[in-house]
Protein backbone atom coordinates (compact mmCIF):
# COMPACT_ATOMS: atom_id res chain seq x y z
CA MET A 1 13.25 73.04 115.11
CA MET A 2 16.37 72.12 113.10
CA MET A 3 19.73 71.88 115.41
CA LEU A 4 23.16 72.28 114.61
CA LYS A 5 26.08 70.24 115.02
CA ASN A 6 29.31 70.18 114.44
CA ASN A 7 30.43 66.24 113.38
CA HIS A 8 34.31 65.97 112.30
CA GLN A 9 34.53 68.52 109.73
CA HIS A 10 31.33 68.75 108.92
CA LYS A 11 28.68 70.56 110.13
CA SER A 12 24.87 68.99 109.79
CA VAL A 13 21.90 70.30 110.95
CA ASP A 14 19.07 67.44 112.11
CA ILE A 15 15.38 68.08 110.49
CA PRO A 16 12.66 66.72 112.20
CA ILE A 17 10.07 64.58 111.01
CA ASN A 18 6.79 65.37 111.14
CA GLN A 19 4.23 62.96 111.26
CA GLU A 20 1.46 62.95 108.48
CA PRO A 21 -2.17 61.78 109.00
CA LYS A 22 -2.68 60.46 105.49
CA THR A 23 -1.13 58.13 102.72
CA PHE A 24 1.24 59.44 100.11
CA GLU A 25 -1.74 58.85 97.58
CA GLN A 26 -4.11 60.84 100.08
CA HIS A 27 -1.54 63.69 100.49
CA ARG A 28 -0.59 63.82 96.53
CA ARG A 29 -4.62 63.73 95.85
CA GLU A 30 -4.62 66.90 98.25
CA MET A 31 -1.99 68.79 96.57
CA LEU A 32 -3.44 68.82 93.31
CA THR A 33 -6.69 69.56 94.09
CA GLY A 34 -5.66 72.49 96.23
CA LEU A 35 -3.72 73.66 92.56
CA GLN A 36 -6.34 73.56 90.80
CA HIS A 37 -8.78 75.54 92.97
CA ARG A 38 -6.13 78.05 93.31
CA HIS A 39 -4.84 78.47 90.18
CA LYS A 40 -7.74 77.56 87.80
CA GLY A 41 -8.00 80.39 85.23
CA ARG A 42 -6.36 82.96 86.94
CA LYS A 43 -3.86 85.74 85.53
CA ARG A 44 -0.80 86.52 87.81
CA PRO A 45 1.69 88.61 87.22
CA ARG A 46 5.43 87.72 86.90
CA LEU A 47 7.17 87.76 90.19
CA ALA A 48 11.01 88.74 89.81
CA ASN A 49 12.65 85.93 92.87
CA THR A 50 10.18 83.33 91.13
CA PRO A 51 10.64 81.21 87.98
CA HIS A 52 7.22 82.13 87.07
CA THR A 53 6.10 82.92 83.51
CA ASP A 54 3.29 85.31 83.12
CA THR A 55 1.06 81.88 81.58
CA TRP A 56 2.46 80.22 84.71
CA SER A 57 -1.10 79.51 86.50
CA ASP A 58 -1.99 78.12 83.05
CA VAL A 59 0.98 75.88 82.77
CA ILE A 60 0.11 74.85 86.50
CA ASP A 61 -3.18 74.13 85.57
CA ASN A 62 -1.92 71.96 82.64
CA TRP A 63 0.19 69.79 84.62
CA VAL A 64 -2.83 69.56 87.01
CA ASP A 65 -4.73 68.00 84.38
CA SER A 66 -2.24 65.50 82.90
CA SER A 67 -1.62 64.41 86.18
CA TRP A 68 -5.08 63.32 87.00
CA ARG A 69 -5.72 61.87 83.38
CA SER A 70 -2.49 59.85 84.06
CA TRP A 71 -2.90 59.02 87.76
CA ASP A 72 -2.21 55.80 87.93
CA ASP A 73 0.92 56.04 85.81
CA GLU A 74 2.32 59.52 87.36
CA MET A 75 1.65 57.22 91.38
CA HIS A 76 3.51 54.26 89.86
CA ARG A 77 6.21 56.12 88.59
CA LEU A 78 7.06 57.94 91.72
CA ARG A 79 6.59 55.10 93.85
CA ARG A 80 9.01 53.45 91.49
CA GLY A 81 11.75 57.08 91.90
CA MET A 82 11.65 56.36 95.93
CA PHE A 83 14.77 55.84 97.55
CA ALA A 84 15.19 52.29 99.22
CA LEU A 85 17.16 52.39 102.67
CA LEU A 86 20.25 50.04 102.63
CA PRO A 87 20.88 48.03 105.62
CA LEU A 88 24.32 48.55 106.98
CA ASP A 89 25.02 44.60 108.31
CA ILE A 90 25.29 43.85 104.53
CA PHE A 91 28.34 45.27 104.05
CA GLY A 92 29.29 43.91 107.62
CA LEU A 93 29.10 47.08 109.04
CA ARG A 94 27.09 46.82 112.67
CA SER A 95 26.27 49.78 114.49
CA SER A 96 26.39 53.25 113.40
CA TYR A 97 29.04 55.65 112.39
CA PRO A 98 29.34 59.44 113.93
CA ASP A 99 30.14 61.29 110.73
CA PRO A 100 27.80 59.50 107.64
CA PHE A 101 31.05 60.54 105.31
CA ASP A 102 33.20 57.83 107.59
CA LEU A 103 29.91 55.32 106.82
CA MET A 104 30.02 55.88 103.05
CA ASN A 105 33.62 55.49 103.43
CA GLN A 106 33.22 51.91 104.86
CA MET A 107 30.15 50.77 102.39
CA GLU A 108 32.45 51.56 99.51
CA ASP A 109 35.47 50.18 100.83
CA GLU A 110 33.36 47.00 101.46
CA ILE A 111 32.72 46.68 97.75
CA GLU A 112 35.56 47.14 96.76
CA GLU A 113 36.78 43.95 98.42
CA ILE A 114 33.72 41.93 96.57
CA ARG A 115 34.98 43.23 93.23
CA ASN A 116 38.11 42.05 93.94
CA ARG A 117 37.23 39.00 95.66
CA VAL A 118 34.55 37.87 92.90
CA GLY A 119 37.06 39.77 90.06
CA MET A 120 33.93 41.61 88.75
CA SER A 121 34.51 45.18 87.88
CA LYS A 122 31.32 45.50 86.86
CA VAL A 123 30.11 45.11 90.71
CA PRO A 124 28.13 48.58 91.40
CA GLY A 125 29.89 51.41 93.30
CA VAL A 126 27.77 53.07 96.34
CA GLY A 127 26.73 56.20 94.00
CA ALA A 128 25.48 53.70 91.22
CA LEU A 129 23.54 52.08 93.21
CA ASN A 130 20.53 54.56 91.77
CA ASP A 131 22.58 56.95 89.74
CA PHE A 132 21.02 59.89 88.67
CA LEU A 133 17.88 60.95 90.44
CA LYS A 134 15.57 62.20 87.77
CA ASP A 135 12.34 64.30 88.05
CA ALA A 136 13.47 65.48 91.58
CA TYR A 137 11.87 69.17 91.56
CA GLU A 138 7.84 69.75 90.81
CA VAL A 139 5.82 72.32 91.95
CA GLY A 140 4.81 72.39 95.43
CA GLU A 141 1.49 73.21 97.38
CA ASP A 142 2.07 77.07 96.97
CA GLY A 143 2.74 76.57 93.24
CA LYS A 144 6.44 77.62 93.88
CA LEU A 145 9.14 75.39 92.20
CA TYR A 146 10.50 72.97 94.92
CA PHE A 147 13.53 70.04 95.39
CA LYS A 148 11.93 66.67 96.26
CA VAL A 149 12.37 63.26 97.19
CA HIS A 150 10.73 60.73 98.97
CA PHE A 151 12.14 57.62 100.68
CA ASP A 152 10.79 54.01 101.45
CA THR A 153 10.42 53.84 104.92
CA LYS A 154 7.72 51.32 105.15
CA GLY A 155 7.91 49.62 109.19
CA PHE A 156 9.22 52.86 110.21
CA THR A 157 8.41 55.37 113.10
CA PRO A 158 9.68 59.16 112.83
CA ASP A 159 11.38 57.64 116.48
CA ASP A 160 13.27 55.60 114.45
CA ILE A 161 14.00 57.15 111.18
CA LYS A 162 17.00 60.04 112.00
CA VAL A 163 17.65 62.88 108.92
CA ASP A 164 20.50 65.13 108.65
CA SER A 165 21.90 67.45 106.51
CA THR A 166 25.63 69.09 105.76
CA GLU A 167 25.73 71.56 102.91
CA HIS A 168 25.95 69.33 100.12
CA ARG A 169 24.82 66.17 101.48
CA LEU A 170 21.22 64.82 103.42
CA THR A 171 21.66 61.66 105.14
CA VAL A 172 18.39 59.53 106.19
CA HIS A 173 19.39 56.85 108.95
CA ALA A 174 17.11 54.27 110.46
CA LYS A 175 17.06 51.87 113.02
CA LYS A 176 14.78 49.27 114.11
CA VAL A 177 14.40 47.32 117.58
CA SER A 178 12.83 43.91 117.25
CA GLU A 179 12.14 42.23 120.86
CA SER A 180 10.77 38.98 122.33
CA ASP A 181 10.68 37.32 125.88
CA SER A 182 14.24 35.86 125.28
CA SER A 183 15.90 37.85 122.54
CA LYS A 184 16.83 41.25 121.76
CA SER A 185 17.82 42.24 118.00
CA SER A 186 18.11 45.22 116.04
CA ARG A 187 18.91 46.49 112.44
CA GLU A 188 20.24 49.40 111.11
CA PHE A 189 19.36 51.10 107.65
CA CYS A 190 20.85 54.26 105.74
CA ARG A 191 20.95 56.29 102.88
CA MET A 192 22.55 59.22 101.22
CA ILE A 193 21.91 61.65 98.67
CA GLU A 194 23.96 65.03 97.38
CA LEU A 195 21.94 68.16 97.73
CA PRO A 196 21.88 70.29 94.93
CA GLN A 197 22.96 74.51 95.61
CA THR A 198 20.05 75.41 93.91
CA ILE A 199 17.64 74.91 97.13
CA ASP A 200 16.91 76.64 100.39
CA HIS A 201 19.12 74.20 102.84
CA ASN A 202 17.45 76.29 105.87
CA GLN A 203 14.11 75.30 104.53
CA LEU A 204 14.46 71.54 103.91
CA LYS A 205 11.37 69.62 105.71
CA CYS A 206 10.64 66.13 105.91
CA ARG A 207 7.64 64.41 106.70
CA LEU A 208 6.42 60.66 107.54
CA THR A 209 3.16 59.71 105.97
CA GLU A 210 0.64 57.00 107.37
CA ASP A 211 2.42 54.08 104.64
CA GLY A 212 6.04 54.37 105.19
CA VAL A 213 6.92 57.27 102.44
CA LEU A 214 9.36 59.69 103.99
CA MET A 215 8.63 63.11 102.46
CA LEU A 216 11.83 65.38 101.75
CA GLU A 217 11.22 69.06 99.94
CA ALA A 218 12.68 72.53 99.77
CA PRO A 219 12.27 75.13 97.39
CA VAL A 220 14.44 75.79 94.65
CA LYS A 221 16.22 79.57 95.28
CA ALA A 222 16.24 82.61 93.06
CA PRO A 223 16.96 80.33 89.17
CA ASP A 224 19.57 81.60 87.06
CA TYR A 225 17.39 80.69 83.83
CA GLU A 226 14.04 82.76 82.32
CA SER A 227 11.29 80.27 82.89
CA ILE A 228 10.28 76.77 83.54
CA THR A 229 7.65 74.69 81.36
CA PHE A 230 6.29 71.43 81.81
CA THR A 231 6.62 68.60 78.85
CA ASP A 232 3.57 66.46 77.50
CA ASN A 233 4.89 64.01 79.89
CA ARG A 234 4.94 66.41 82.77
CA ARG A 235 8.86 66.83 82.92
CA LEU A 236 9.93 70.10 83.85
CA GLY A 237 11.16 71.99 81.17
CA ILE A 238 14.03 74.74 81.71
CA HIS A 239 14.64 77.62 79.48
CA PRO A 240 17.67 79.66 80.13
CA LYS A 241 18.33 83.24 80.24
CA SER A 242 20.46 83.10 77.06
CA ALA A 243 22.38 80.64 75.21
CA ASP A 244 25.68 81.96 77.00
CA GLN A 245 24.09 81.82 79.99
CA ILE A 246 23.75 77.82 79.85
CA GLN A 247 27.80 77.48 79.17
CA SER A 248 28.12 79.27 82.45
CA VAL A 249 26.19 77.21 84.74
CA PRO A 250 28.40 75.63 87.26
CA ALA A 251 27.72 71.79 87.08
CA SER A 252 26.71 72.38 91.26
CA LYS A 253 23.77 74.27 89.82
CA ALA A 254 22.28 72.09 87.51
CA LEU A 255 18.93 70.69 88.29
CA ALA A 256 19.94 66.89 88.81
CA VAL A 257 20.85 65.05 92.34
CA LYS A 258 22.63 61.64 93.08
CA GLY A 259 21.97 59.06 95.86
CA TRP A 260 24.45 56.91 97.43
């Protein structure tokens, strides 16, 4: 169950993490198999509150078939696009900050100090470390459109990881404690991503696979576009209702996500 709390001026929600008894690859195979069985040869009426077209089942069939044919490339693309958690000690931070916004400000200050010290204006900022995440929208297990992001959290258990979200951002914080007979040490890691307004924030869910992939997803709300298709390389193709609506859609509703 999600837990609400107030953190300075930011209301945040703790998102529980469920342990998956399968690997990331096994989860992917089961999702594609389920979609294949559910949609193969079916025709479904269009629903008013979903992005489905009259031939949405055919679109899913083609996407699933293409994913199977390019399985190795698909898995490589997905793993390459995972967020890596950043160790806080590389920024000179030794403990958690109660507010993730304070934490990211501290990290940005440290990077700015490095820029000034070495005289390099091209040292990337926190927001530029992974630039814009692409392909964050994908079909879910129920055949509807979802926002999906993955984090590489290999070596961590659900008890080591804390995930919380505010209206616009999600933070993943992990702490690993190592103990021996004579000493005890710990390292902390963190990553923040920007959440689009197009998703249902109340339906954010987290799952951790056996091989250390933290999967986060949320359904996309009733869209401001006519239909969704997929290109030959399985990328989403968005078809707005009209040219005028393309101009009127605010940047906050664009299908893009940025991470820190």
